[in-house]
Protein backbone atom coordinates (compact mmCIF):
# COMPACT_ATOMS: atom_id res chain seq x y z
CA ILE A 1 0.00 0.00 0.00
CA GLU A 2 1.48 3.31 -1.09
CA CYS A 3 -0.98 5.78 0.40
CA ILE A 4 -4.02 5.85 2.71
CA HIS A 5 -6.55 8.62 1.98
CA GLU A 6 -9.16 10.42 4.06
CA ILE A 7 -7.45 9.57 7.31
CA ASP A 8 -8.09 11.36 10.60
CA THR A 9 -5.02 13.48 11.34
CA THR A 10 -4.88 12.08 14.89
CA GLN A 11 -4.36 8.57 13.44
CA ILE A 12 -1.35 9.44 11.29
CA PRO A 13 1.77 7.75 12.77
CA LEU A 14 4.59 10.00 13.94
CA ASP A 15 7.27 7.59 12.70
CA LYS A 16 8.59 9.34 9.59
CA LYS A 17 10.69 6.32 8.63
CA LEU A 18 7.61 4.49 7.37
CA ALA A 19 7.43 4.43 3.56
CA MET A 20 3.63 4.61 3.36
CA ARG A 21 2.01 8.02 2.91
CA TRP A 22 -1.10 9.32 4.71
CA ASP A 23 -3.38 11.94 3.18
CA THR A 24 -6.47 13.66 4.59
CA SER A 25 -7.89 14.20 1.08
CA PRO A 26 -11.02 12.07 0.42
CA SER A 27 -9.97 11.48 -3.21
CA PRO A 28 -6.71 10.87 -5.10
CA ARG A 29 -4.67 13.88 -6.07
CA ASP A 30 -4.00 14.67 -9.74
CA GLU A 31 -0.44 13.35 -9.66
CA GLU A 32 -1.41 10.02 -8.06
CA HIS A 33 -1.67 6.94 -10.25
CA TYR A 34 -2.11 3.41 -8.89
CA ASP A 35 -2.64 -0.06 -10.33
CA VAL A 36 -5.16 -0.96 -7.61
CA PHE A 37 -7.52 1.09 -5.44
CA LEU A 38 -8.67 -0.53 -2.18
CA ILE A 39 -11.96 1.25 -1.48
CA THR A 40 -13.38 0.90 2.02
CA GLY A 41 -14.61 4.30 3.14
CA PHE A 42 -17.98 5.88 3.78
CA HIS A 43 -20.70 4.08 1.83
CA HIS A 44 -21.61 6.93 -0.48
CA THR A 45 -17.95 7.32 -1.55
CA HIS A 46 -17.47 3.76 -2.82
CA ALA A 47 -19.00 4.19 -6.27
CA PRO A 48 -17.34 7.56 -7.12
CA LEU A 49 -13.93 6.18 -6.14
CA ALA A 50 -14.51 2.95 -8.09
CA ILE A 51 -15.58 5.00 -11.11
CA TYR A 52 -12.43 7.14 -10.79
CA ALA A 53 -10.24 4.01 -10.65
CA LEU A 54 -11.91 2.41 -13.66
CA GLN A 55 -11.77 5.63 -15.67
CA HIS A 56 -7.99 5.48 -15.16
CA ASN A 57 -8.00 1.79 -16.20
CA SER A 58 -6.99 0.69 -12.71
CA HIS A 59 -8.47 -2.14 -10.64
CA ALA A 60 -11.10 -1.24 -8.03
CA VAL A 61 -11.44 -3.54 -4.99
CA VAL A 62 -14.63 -2.26 -3.39
CA GLU A 63 -16.14 -2.98 0.03
CA LYS A 64 -19.90 -3.24 0.29
CA PRO A 65 -22.12 -1.53 -0.62
CA ILE A 66 -20.92 -1.01 -4.18
CA VAL A 67 -23.46 1.76 -4.80
CA VAL A 68 -26.07 3.59 -2.73
CA SER A 69 -28.32 4.96 -5.49
CA GLY A 70 -29.66 4.16 -8.94
CA GLU A 71 -27.70 7.07 -10.39
CA GLN A 72 -24.43 5.69 -9.01
CA LEU A 73 -25.27 2.24 -10.38
CA ARG A 74 -25.99 3.53 -13.88
CA GLU A 75 -22.75 5.52 -14.00
CA LEU A 76 -20.71 2.61 -12.64
CA ILE A 77 -22.12 0.15 -15.20
CA THR A 78 -21.34 2.56 -18.04
CA VAL A 79 -17.75 2.92 -16.88
CA MET A 80 -17.33 -0.85 -16.33
CA GLU A 81 -18.37 -1.48 -19.92
CA ASN A 82 -15.77 0.96 -21.25
CA SER A 83 -12.73 0.36 -19.04
CA THR A 84 -9.78 -2.01 -19.21
CA GLY A 85 -9.69 -1.96 -15.42
CA GLU A 86 -11.61 -4.51 -13.34
CA LEU A 87 -13.99 -4.19 -10.39
CA PHE A 88 -13.91 -6.71 -7.53
CA SER A 89 -16.79 -6.60 -5.05
CA CYS A 90 -15.88 -7.53 -1.46
CA PHE A 91 -18.87 -9.71 -0.65
CA HIS A 92 -17.16 -12.26 1.57
CA LYS A 93 -20.00 -14.79 1.43
CA ARG A 94 -19.10 -15.47 -2.19
CA TYR A 95 -15.88 -16.96 -0.81
CA LEU A 96 -17.36 -19.19 1.89
CA PRO A 97 -15.77 -22.67 1.70
CA PHE A 98 -19.34 -23.93 2.24
CA ASN A 99 -20.38 -22.77 -1.24
CA GLU A 100 -18.60 -25.71 -2.83
CA PHE A 101 -20.43 -28.10 -0.51
CA VAL A 102 -23.75 -26.47 -1.39
CA THR A 103 -23.35 -27.32 -5.07
CA GLN A 104 -22.49 -30.94 -4.26
CA ASP A 105 -25.00 -31.57 -1.47
CA LEU A 106 -27.96 -29.96 -3.24
CA GLY A 107 -27.08 -31.79 -6.45
CA LEU A 108 -27.04 -28.60 -8.48
CA ASN A 109 -26.47 -28.15 -12.18
CA THR A 110 -25.76 -24.73 -13.67
CA GLY A 111 -28.93 -22.67 -13.63
CA ASP A 112 -30.79 -24.80 -11.07
CA PRO A 113 -32.77 -22.66 -8.62
CA VAL A 114 -31.52 -22.42 -5.02
CA SER A 115 -34.12 -21.11 -2.56
CA TYR A 116 -32.57 -19.17 0.31
CA HIS A 117 -34.07 -18.19 3.66
CA CYS A 118 -32.22 -16.27 6.37
CA ILE A 119 -32.59 -14.49 9.70
CA ILE A 120 -29.95 -11.87 10.51
CA TYR A 121 -29.28 -10.19 13.83
CA GLU A 122 -27.33 -6.92 13.78
CA VAL A 123 -25.74 -5.24 16.77
CA PRO A 124 -27.56 -1.93 17.60
CA LEU A 125 -25.50 1.10 16.60
CA PRO A 126 -24.67 4.19 18.66
CA GLU A 127 -26.90 7.15 17.86
CA LEU A 128 -24.22 9.10 15.96
CA HIS A 129 -22.62 6.13 14.14
CA TRP A 130 -21.90 6.97 10.50
CA TYR A 131 -23.92 3.93 9.32
CA LEU A 132 -26.94 5.98 10.45
CA TRP A 133 -26.10 8.96 8.24
CA PRO A 134 -28.65 9.55 5.46
CA ASN A 135 -25.86 9.13 2.89
CA SER A 136 -25.17 5.62 4.20
CA LYS A 137 -28.78 4.56 3.53
CA SER A 138 -30.62 1.90 5.54
CA ARG A 139 -29.48 -1.38 7.07
CA LEU A 140 -30.58 -3.07 3.85
CA VAL A 141 -27.77 -1.30 1.98
CA SER A 142 -25.29 -1.33 4.87
CA ASN A 143 -25.56 -5.01 5.84
CA GLY A 144 -28.52 -6.77 4.25
CA CYS A 145 -26.69 -6.58 0.92
CA HIS A 146 -24.46 -9.50 2.01
CA TRP A 147 -27.28 -12.08 2.09
CA ILE A 148 -29.08 -10.67 -0.94
CA ASP A 149 -25.86 -10.88 -2.97
CA HIS A 150 -25.09 -14.39 -1.66
CA PHE A 151 -28.52 -15.60 -2.80
CA LEU A 152 -27.98 -14.09 -6.25
CA TYR A 153 -24.42 -15.47 -6.44
CA LEU A 154 -25.66 -19.01 -5.74
CA ASN A 155 -28.22 -18.51 -8.53
CA ASN A 156 -25.64 -17.22 -11.02
CA PHE A 157 -27.10 -13.70 -10.81
CA CYS A 158 -30.33 -14.73 -12.48
CA ASP A 159 -32.68 -11.82 -13.25
CA VAL A 160 -35.24 -10.82 -10.63
CA SER A 161 -38.91 -11.39 -11.46
CA SER A 162 -40.51 -9.84 -8.34
CA PHE A 163 -39.78 -8.59 -4.84
CA ASP A 164 -41.62 -7.25 -1.79
CA LEU A 165 -40.73 -5.71 1.56
CA VAL A 166 -42.43 -5.06 4.91
CA ALA A 167 -41.04 -2.99 7.79
CA ALA A 168 -42.17 -3.46 11.39
CA CYS A 169 -42.57 -0.63 13.89
CA ASP A 170 -39.43 -1.79 15.75
CA GLY A 171 -37.29 -1.43 12.62
CA THR A 172 -37.27 -5.12 11.66
CA ILE A 173 -37.26 -5.62 7.89
CA ASN A 174 -38.81 -8.62 6.15
CA CYS A 175 -38.22 -8.92 2.42
CA SER A 176 -38.81 -11.55 -0.26
CA VAL A 177 -37.49 -11.99 -3.80
CA SER A 178 -38.38 -14.30 -6.69
CA LEU A 179 -36.02 -14.97 -9.60
CA GLU A 180 -36.82 -15.93 -13.16
CA ASN A 181 -35.39 -19.42 -12.50
CA ASP A 182 -38.06 -19.86 -9.75
CA ALA A 183 -35.61 -19.51 -6.84
CA PHE A 184 -37.21 -17.80 -3.82
CA PHE A 185 -35.55 -15.70 -1.11
CA THR A 186 -36.73 -14.44 2.27
CA MET A 187 -34.79 -12.38 4.79
CA VAL A 188 -35.60 -11.04 8.26
CA LEU A 189 -33.15 -8.32 9.31
CA THR A 190 -33.27 -6.96 12.86
CA ASP A 191 -31.23 -5.51 15.73
CA ARG A 192 -33.65 -6.78 18.39
CA GLY A 193 -32.14 -9.61 20.41
CA SER A 194 -29.01 -10.72 22.23
CA GLU A 195 -25.72 -8.90 21.70
CA ARG A 196 -23.73 -11.67 23.36
CA ILE A 197 -21.52 -12.58 20.38
CA GLY A 198 -22.32 -9.73 17.99
CA VAL A 199 -23.75 -10.14 14.49
CA GLN A 200 -25.39 -13.52 13.91
CA ASP A 201 -27.09 -15.19 10.96
CA TYR A 202 -28.99 -18.37 10.19
CA ILE A 203 -29.37 -19.51 6.58
CA GLU A 204 -31.33 -22.35 4.99
CA LEU A 205 -30.93 -23.42 1.36
CA ARG A 206 -33.26 -25.90 -0.31
CA ALA A 207 -33.16 -27.77 -3.60
CA ASN A 208 -33.75 -31.32 -4.88
CA GLU A 209 -35.28 -32.47 -1.55
CA VAL A 210 -32.12 -31.54 0.36
CA SER A 211 -31.77 -28.83 3.02
CA VAL A 212 -28.56 -27.02 3.97
CA LYS A 213 -28.14 -24.97 7.14
CA MET A 214 -25.38 -22.41 7.67
CA ILE A 215 -25.01 -20.69 11.04
CA ASN A 216 -22.84 -17.62 11.72
CA GLY A 217 -20.60 -18.38 8.75
CA SER A 218 -18.96 -21.19 10.71
CA ILE A 219 -21.34 -24.17 10.98
CA TYR A 220 -22.63 -26.16 8.01
CA VAL A 221 -25.11 -29.05 8.01
CA ALA A 222 -26.64 -30.74 4.93
CA GLU A 223 -29.38 -33.37 5.20
CA ASP A 224 -31.86 -35.25 3.08
CA LYS A 225 -34.90 -37.19 4.28
CA ASN A 226 -32.77 -40.11 5.41
CA LYS A 227 -29.52 -38.83 6.90
CA ILE A 228 -27.00 -36.07 7.54
CA LEU A 229 -25.04 -35.68 4.30
CA ARG A 230 -22.32 -33.42 5.63
CA ARG A 231 -21.41 -31.56 8.79
CA LYS A 232 -18.55 -29.00 8.86
CA LYS A 233 -17.26 -26.25 11.13
CA ILE A 234 -14.75 -23.53 10.22
CA ASN A 235 -13.39 -20.27 11.62
CA LYS A 236 -15.94 -17.62 10.59
CA MET A 237 -13.12 -15.29 9.50
CA LYS A 238 -11.89 -17.78 6.87
CA SER A 239 -14.04 -16.35 4.08
CA TYR A 240 -12.40 -12.92 4.49
CA GLU A 241 -8.93 -14.45 4.18
CA LEU A 242 -9.96 -16.37 1.07
CA MET A 243 -11.64 -13.31 -0.45
CA TYR A 244 -8.57 -11.08 -0.33
CA GLN A 245 -6.27 -13.95 -1.30
CA GLN A 246 -8.32 -14.84 -4.38
CA ILE A 247 -8.92 -11.24 -5.43
CA GLY A 248 -5.17 -10.60 -5.15
CA GLU A 249 -4.42 -13.68 -7.24
CA LYS A 250 -6.90 -12.59 -9.91
CA ILE A 251 -5.37 -9.13 -10.13
CA LEU A 252 -1.83 -10.52 -10.42
CA SER A 253 -2.86 -13.03 -13.09
CA GLY A 254 -4.89 -10.50 -15.10
CA SER A 255 -8.15 -12.41 -14.58
CA ASP A 256 -11.57 -10.82 -15.01
CA GLY A 257 -13.37 -9.20 -12.10
CA ASP A 258 -17.11 -8.82 -11.60
CA THR A 259 -19.26 -8.69 -14.71
CA ALA A 260 -21.47 -5.70 -15.40
CA GLN A 261 -24.44 -8.07 -15.32
CA SER A 262 -23.66 -9.35 -11.82
CA VAL A 263 -23.30 -5.78 -10.51
CA LYS A 264 -26.47 -4.71 -12.28
CA VAL A 265 -28.53 -7.58 -10.82
CA SER A 266 -27.11 -7.53 -7.29
CA ALA A 267 -26.80 -3.79 -6.72
CA GLY A 268 -29.97 -3.15 -8.73
CA LEU A 269 -32.06 -5.39 -6.45
CA ILE A 270 -30.56 -3.85 -3.31
CA ILE A 271 -31.36 -0.33 -4.54
CA ALA A 272 -34.88 -1.37 -5.58
CA LEU A 273 -35.53 -2.79 -2.09
CA GLU A 274 -34.05 0.34 -0.53
CA ASN A 275 -36.37 2.54 -2.59
CA LYS A 276 -39.32 0.38 -1.51
CA LEU A 277 -38.30 0.78 2.14
CA LYS A 278 -37.94 4.56 1.72
CA GLY A 279 -41.39 4.69 0.15
CA LEU A 280 -42.86 2.94 3.19
CA SER A 281 -41.03 5.34 5.53
CA ASP A 282 -42.27 8.38 3.62
CA LYS A 283 -45.86 7.16 3.97
CA ASN A 284 -45.45 6.90 7.73
């Protein structure tokens, strides 16, 4: 890493022997040119920085969310289609070791529908946390995007046929999605519950009379009507390690990043659900 941008001045090390540079500017300066941009700032800055990187034919490694508005999505897609740079979305659930088991245990062929049902608990945020800024959008964009994208990833980013969303008075969000391949998705997203071990999630996948359960990104159980097919447990941080390792390998080897279609389907659905949620809030 050559330079870290938009850093709080109180966090800049005093050791001048360090080769890395620190800059309080939120964007690259005119004389700066890099092969790779690691983008992990405030949510509303991700897309503009990714667009800047791609316009300079650099690689953009982007934390979630990739975009926070339809306008950002349209501009990003246009740039992706006209750049020699590549975009890599940091959705760590795409890199879960369990994904390989899912394909085997559910007996999936390419294009087969995978129905996906999940309950997610989020830790309540302090009142002034930047995730609560209007620019950061709702918890759907901030965190719910992980499970929505994972569902679409497992279904090869099949086009969406319909979606719906309901919001409870306590802030709990319940949404559902149907894909053109007949896969169905439901998600309950809430911050009401125990904070004992932080963020938690429970996922069920179903296909070909087999059910798969994944708990907190670390426990995996697959079963059919007769027996347990597979039971595995891993360190829940493993998917992050694999994500950065594989993205790094792809960049070094010149491999392709995300397709414009995958970004359009995943980010497009997240923005559509966000707009639906905002419409409900405006009515209230």
